[in-house]
Amino acid sequence: MKLVIQISSSGVEHEPALRQFAKVVSQLVSEGHRITIVFSRGNAILKTKSALHECSYCTQKNHLNGNGTQAAVNGEMHNATLPLLTERASAPLVAILSGVGVAAFGLCGADGHILRVRKLNGHAGQAWGAEVAAVDPFWLDIISNSKGVPVVENAGLGADQNCYTLDPDQMAGAFAIGWNVDALIFLTTAEGLTNADGSVVRWLEAERLMELTKRSAIAQEMLSKLQACRHALKHGVRRARVLPVSQVESLAMFYVSRIECGTEVIEAAGKTASA
């Protein structure tokens, strides 16, 4: 089967969790599964100040973020900052995957024209300056058919030659659709979508998501992942699940046994899968 797994830098900031994830990926690859990892780097692409300072255009557009480093408005950067794309935040993950025998390749959306990026019309409160418009699966196929694993960071190059950080959840959903995968899985520090009493919702019908959002507050990070799951299911992806990174070992059993953790988004009642 083909899997897209989205994981953030915060989800693997502890080395034991990172190593456990690498072992699971190694097992899945050895069993013949094909995997693409979407790695969310947050604002890591923006943390090097020197390149930003070299460009007066960027200096005029940038503002200071909470930790005093330069960050571009809505994730947009002038093309003078393109060298920042070479600073891969996924390098520790790629190294640990390699250490367990996985041929991992650290990429971003600009590499090999994997992504076509569309700039968004900015408005107040908008978190991202661009979104994934299309995915070219050519290099994903080339790498995964050779038992390699692409690790793709959420950064891309727009038609205007500006570099953008991308919504990693929307990007993972786009990868799942564009690569026509069997399952889209979000690894998260949360246990899943929770009910008012704190219990985890194991199965969520996709069409109930909008109604649920109106009736109760859902953390934005979780809502974003659930919306990406719903969108992926509507466009042909077979399964979509939010899985806690604390239970990452269960990922290796995703299709062969029942998983009693996280939240799976399903198309309709009666269509629940065995896991």
Protein backbone atom coordinates (compact mmCIF):
# COMPACT_ATOMS: atom_id res chain seq x y z
CA MET A 1 0.00 0.00 0.00
CA LYS A 2 0.97 3.65 -0.34
CA LEU A 3 1.05 5.90 2.72
CA VAL A 4 1.49 9.62 3.27
CA ILE A 5 2.53 10.30 6.86
CA GLN A 6 2.61 13.86 8.15
CA ILE A 7 4.70 14.60 11.20
CA SER A 8 5.88 17.88 12.70
CA SER A 9 9.23 18.77 14.23
CA SER A 10 7.44 19.05 17.60
CA GLY A 11 6.16 15.50 17.20
CA VAL A 12 9.67 14.08 17.05
CA GLU A 13 11.58 16.51 19.24
CA HIS A 14 12.40 13.68 21.65
CA GLU A 15 14.98 11.29 20.23
CA PRO A 16 13.31 8.08 21.53
CA ALA A 17 10.10 8.98 19.66
CA LEU A 18 12.12 9.80 16.58
CA ARG A 19 13.93 6.46 16.71
CA GLN A 20 10.69 4.54 17.28
CA PHE A 21 9.14 6.25 14.27
CA ALA A 22 12.19 5.37 12.17
CA LYS A 23 11.91 1.70 13.17
CA VAL A 24 8.24 1.63 12.18
CA VAL A 25 9.02 3.22 8.81
CA SER A 26 11.80 0.68 8.27
CA GLN A 27 9.41 -2.19 9.02
CA LEU A 28 6.77 -0.84 6.64
CA VAL A 29 9.29 -0.40 3.83
CA SER A 30 10.67 -3.91 4.39
CA GLU A 31 7.12 -5.25 4.04
CA GLY A 32 6.86 -3.60 0.62
CA HIS A 33 4.82 -0.54 1.51
CA ARG A 34 5.59 2.77 -0.21
CA ILE A 35 5.84 5.84 2.00
CA THR A 36 6.16 9.59 1.64
CA ILE A 37 6.71 11.64 4.80
CA VAL A 38 5.54 15.25 4.91
CA PHE A 39 7.67 16.98 7.53
CA SER A 40 6.34 20.17 9.08
CA ARG A 41 9.19 22.52 9.86
CA GLY A 42 7.05 25.40 11.14
CA ASN A 43 9.06 28.60 10.82
CA ALA A 44 12.42 26.81 10.73
CA ILE A 45 12.97 28.00 7.17
CA LEU A 46 12.89 31.57 8.43
CA LYS A 47 15.27 31.31 11.38
CA THR A 48 18.52 32.21 9.61
CA LYS A 49 18.77 35.98 9.71
CA SER A 50 21.86 36.56 7.57
CA ALA A 51 20.26 35.84 4.20
CA LEU A 52 17.28 37.97 5.08
CA HIS A 53 19.51 40.87 6.04
CA GLU A 54 21.29 40.75 2.69
CA CYS A 55 18.14 41.84 0.88
CA SER A 56 16.68 45.30 1.54
CA TYR A 57 13.42 44.17 -0.07
CA CYS A 58 13.06 41.45 2.56
CA THR A 59 14.11 43.73 5.39
CA GLN A 60 11.29 46.11 4.50
CA LYS A 61 8.70 43.31 4.40
CA ASN A 62 9.83 41.28 7.41
CA HIS A 63 8.82 41.61 11.04
CA LEU A 64 10.21 40.17 14.27
CA ASN A 65 8.50 37.05 15.53
CA GLY A 66 8.15 36.06 19.18
CA ASN A 67 11.71 34.82 19.62
CA GLY A 68 13.34 37.90 18.09
CA THR A 69 14.27 36.32 14.75
CA GLN A 70 13.19 37.66 11.40
CA ALA A 71 10.04 36.16 9.93
CA ALA A 72 8.35 37.04 6.65
CA VAL A 73 4.76 38.26 6.53
CA ASN A 74 2.38 35.37 5.71
CA GLY A 75 5.35 33.10 5.06
CA GLU A 76 6.42 34.95 1.89
CA MET A 77 10.09 35.58 1.13
CA HIS A 78 11.93 37.31 -1.68
CA ASN A 79 14.01 35.13 -4.01
CA ALA A 80 17.21 36.39 -2.37
CA THR A 81 16.34 34.01 0.48
CA LEU A 82 16.27 30.90 -1.70
CA PRO A 83 19.54 29.62 -0.15
CA LEU A 84 17.49 29.04 3.01
CA LEU A 85 15.84 26.13 1.21
CA THR A 86 19.08 24.20 1.56
CA GLU A 87 18.90 24.33 5.37
CA ARG A 88 16.85 21.21 5.93
CA ALA A 89 15.11 20.97 9.30
CA SER A 90 14.34 17.33 8.49
CA ALA A 91 18.06 16.41 8.52
CA PRO A 92 17.92 14.67 11.96
CA LEU A 93 14.96 12.55 10.84
CA VAL A 94 16.67 11.67 7.55
CA ALA A 95 19.84 10.71 9.45
CA ILE A 96 18.02 8.45 11.90
CA LEU A 97 16.03 6.81 9.10
CA SER A 98 19.31 6.15 7.31
CA GLY A 99 20.71 4.72 10.53
CA VAL A 100 18.05 1.99 10.56
CA GLY A 101 18.63 1.13 6.93
CA VAL A 102 16.02 3.31 5.23
CA ALA A 103 17.16 5.13 2.09
CA ALA A 104 15.67 8.49 3.07
CA PHE A 105 15.85 11.61 0.88
CA GLY A 106 15.40 15.06 2.44
CA LEU A 107 13.48 17.24 -0.02
CA CYS A 108 11.26 20.29 -0.16
CA GLY A 109 8.45 21.11 -2.54
CA ALA A 110 10.80 23.07 -4.79
CA ASP A 111 12.95 20.00 -5.52
CA GLY A 112 12.23 18.28 -8.82
CA HIS A 113 9.12 20.43 -9.30
CA ILE A 114 7.29 18.11 -6.93
CA LEU A 115 4.82 20.84 -6.03
CA ARG A 116 3.05 23.58 -7.91
CA VAL A 117 2.39 26.36 -5.44
CA ARG A 118 -0.43 28.88 -5.69
CA LYS A 119 -0.20 32.20 -3.87
CA LEU A 120 -3.19 33.06 -1.70
CA ASN A 121 -4.82 36.46 -1.58
CA GLY A 122 -3.70 37.69 1.81
CA HIS A 123 -6.17 38.87 4.41
CA ALA A 124 -6.05 39.62 8.11
CA GLY A 125 -5.57 36.49 10.21
CA GLN A 126 -4.48 34.30 7.32
CA ALA A 127 -1.75 31.96 8.51
CA TRP A 128 -0.24 30.95 5.17
CA GLY A 129 0.81 32.88 2.09
CA ALA A 130 0.41 30.04 -0.40
CA GLU A 131 -1.03 26.56 -0.83
CA VAL A 132 -0.28 23.44 -2.85
CA ALA A 133 -2.12 23.60 -6.16
CA ALA A 134 -0.86 20.31 -7.62
CA VAL A 135 1.55 17.45 -6.89
CA ASP A 136 3.73 15.77 -9.50
CA PRO A 137 4.26 12.21 -8.16
CA PHE A 138 7.10 11.37 -10.58
CA TRP A 139 9.95 11.58 -8.04
CA LEU A 140 7.82 10.08 -5.28
CA ASP A 141 7.35 7.03 -7.52
CA ILE A 142 11.00 6.88 -8.55
CA ILE A 143 12.22 6.96 -4.93
CA SER A 144 9.56 4.73 -3.37
CA ASN A 145 9.72 2.14 -6.17
CA SER A 146 13.39 1.75 -5.25
CA LYS A 147 12.49 1.23 -1.55
CA GLY A 148 13.44 4.78 -0.64
CA VAL A 149 11.44 7.27 1.42
CA PRO A 150 11.02 10.92 0.39
CA VAL A 151 10.93 13.26 3.41
CA VAL A 152 9.40 16.45 2.02
CA GLU A 153 9.39 19.67 4.04
CA ASN A 154 6.55 22.17 3.83
CA ALA A 155 8.29 24.76 1.69
CA GLY A 156 7.84 25.51 -1.98
CA LEU A 157 8.62 27.90 -4.77
CA GLY A 158 5.82 29.93 -6.32
CA ALA A 159 5.47 31.01 -9.94
CA ASP A 160 6.63 34.46 -8.78
CA GLN A 161 9.96 32.86 -7.70
CA ASN A 162 9.26 33.66 -4.08
CA CYS A 163 9.74 30.98 -1.44
CA TYR A 164 6.77 30.08 0.77
CA THR A 165 6.22 28.01 3.86
CA LEU A 166 3.10 25.93 3.31
CA ASP A 167 0.30 24.65 5.50
CA PRO A 168 1.64 21.15 6.27
CA ASP A 169 -1.82 19.67 6.74
CA GLN A 170 -3.11 20.97 3.40
CA MET A 171 0.16 19.85 1.83
CA ALA A 172 -0.15 16.32 3.24
CA GLY A 173 -3.71 16.09 1.95
CA ALA A 174 -2.59 17.28 -1.48
CA PHE A 175 0.19 14.67 -1.51
CA ALA A 176 -2.28 11.94 -0.56
CA ILE A 177 -4.62 12.93 -3.39
CA GLY A 178 -1.91 13.59 -5.99
CA TRP A 179 -0.10 10.33 -5.23
CA ASN A 180 -3.39 8.37 -4.97
CA VAL A 181 -2.55 6.76 -1.65
CA ASP A 182 -4.25 4.09 0.40
CA ALA A 183 -3.97 6.02 3.65
CA LEU A 184 -3.20 9.50 4.95
CA ILE A 185 -1.94 9.52 8.53
CA PHE A 186 -1.25 12.53 10.75
CA LEU A 187 1.05 11.85 13.69
CA THR A 188 0.33 14.37 16.41
CA THR A 189 1.14 15.09 20.05
CA ALA A 190 -2.63 15.12 20.75
CA GLU A 191 -4.47 11.87 21.50
CA GLY A 192 -7.09 12.62 18.84
CA LEU A 193 -10.39 14.48 18.68
CA THR A 194 -11.97 14.45 22.12
CA ASN A 195 -15.57 14.55 23.36
CA ALA A 196 -16.76 16.98 26.01
CA ASP A 197 -15.97 14.38 28.70
CA GLY A 198 -12.39 14.04 27.45
CA SER A 199 -12.83 10.65 25.78
CA VAL A 200 -11.32 10.23 22.32
CA VAL A 201 -13.61 10.05 19.27
CA ARG A 202 -12.46 6.86 17.55
CA TRP A 203 -14.54 7.27 14.38
CA LEU A 204 -15.72 10.53 12.86
CA GLU A 205 -17.96 10.65 9.81
CA ALA A 206 -16.51 13.20 7.41
CA GLU A 207 -19.85 14.89 6.81
CA ARG A 208 -20.30 15.46 10.56
CA LEU A 209 -17.16 17.56 10.83
CA MET A 210 -18.78 20.85 9.80
CA GLU A 211 -21.72 20.25 12.14
CA LEU A 212 -19.39 19.31 14.99
CA THR A 213 -17.31 22.44 14.41
CA LYS A 214 -20.42 24.61 14.79
CA ARG A 215 -21.51 22.89 18.00
CA SER A 216 -18.23 22.61 19.86
CA ALA A 217 -14.80 24.15 19.99
CA ILE A 218 -12.05 22.13 18.28
CA ALA A 219 -8.42 23.16 18.59
CA GLN A 220 -7.29 24.75 15.32
CA GLU A 221 -4.40 22.32 14.90
CA MET A 222 -6.73 19.32 15.19
CA LEU A 223 -9.42 20.91 13.02
CA SER A 224 -6.90 21.55 10.25
CA LYS A 225 -5.89 17.87 10.20
CA LEU A 226 -9.48 16.62 10.28
CA GLN A 227 -10.41 18.93 7.39
CA ALA A 228 -7.46 17.62 5.38
CA CYS A 229 -8.64 14.05 6.09
CA ARG A 230 -12.16 14.89 4.95
CA HIS A 231 -10.90 16.53 1.76
CA ALA A 232 -8.62 13.59 0.98
CA LEU A 233 -11.44 11.05 1.41
CA LYS A 234 -13.66 13.06 -0.94
CA HIS A 235 -10.93 12.87 -3.60
CA GLY A 236 -10.25 9.16 -3.59
CA VAL A 237 -7.94 8.51 -0.64
CA ARG A 238 -9.11 5.29 0.99
CA ARG A 239 -8.40 5.97 4.66
CA ALA A 240 -7.45 8.96 6.81
CA ARG A 241 -6.48 8.99 10.48
CA VAL A 242 -5.04 11.18 13.23
CA LEU A 243 -2.73 9.02 15.34
CA PRO A 244 -0.90 10.07 18.54
CA VAL A 245 2.87 9.93 18.15
CA SER A 246 3.00 8.26 21.58
CA GLN A 247 1.39 5.23 19.90
CA VAL A 248 3.53 5.31 16.75
CA GLU A 249 4.36 1.61 17.05
CA SER A 250 0.72 0.82 16.15
CA LEU A 251 1.33 2.37 12.74
CA ALA A 252 3.10 -0.82 11.64
CA MET A 253 -0.15 -2.75 12.29
CA PHE A 254 -2.43 -0.23 10.61
CA TYR A 255 -3.98 -2.66 8.12
CA VAL A 256 -3.81 -5.93 10.01
CA SER A 257 -5.21 -5.26 13.47
CA ARG A 258 -7.57 -2.94 15.29
CA ILE A 259 -6.04 0.31 16.56
CA GLU A 260 -7.56 1.61 19.79
CA CYS A 261 -6.07 5.10 19.67
CA GLY A 262 -6.42 8.29 17.68
CA THR A 263 -9.33 9.33 15.47
CA GLU A 264 -10.12 7.89 12.05
CA VAL A 265 -12.21 9.97 9.66
CA ILE A 266 -14.63 7.82 7.66
CA GLU A 267 -16.94 8.55 4.75
CA ALA A 268 -20.22 7.33 6.20
CA ALA A 269 -21.74 5.11 8.87
CA GLY A 270 -21.19 1.43 8.18
CA LYS A 271 -17.95 2.01 6.30
CA THR A 272 -15.60 1.67 9.25
CA ALA A 273 -12.43 -0.27 8.60
CA SER A 274 -11.04 -3.08 10.73
CA ALA A 275 -8.49 -0.83 12.40
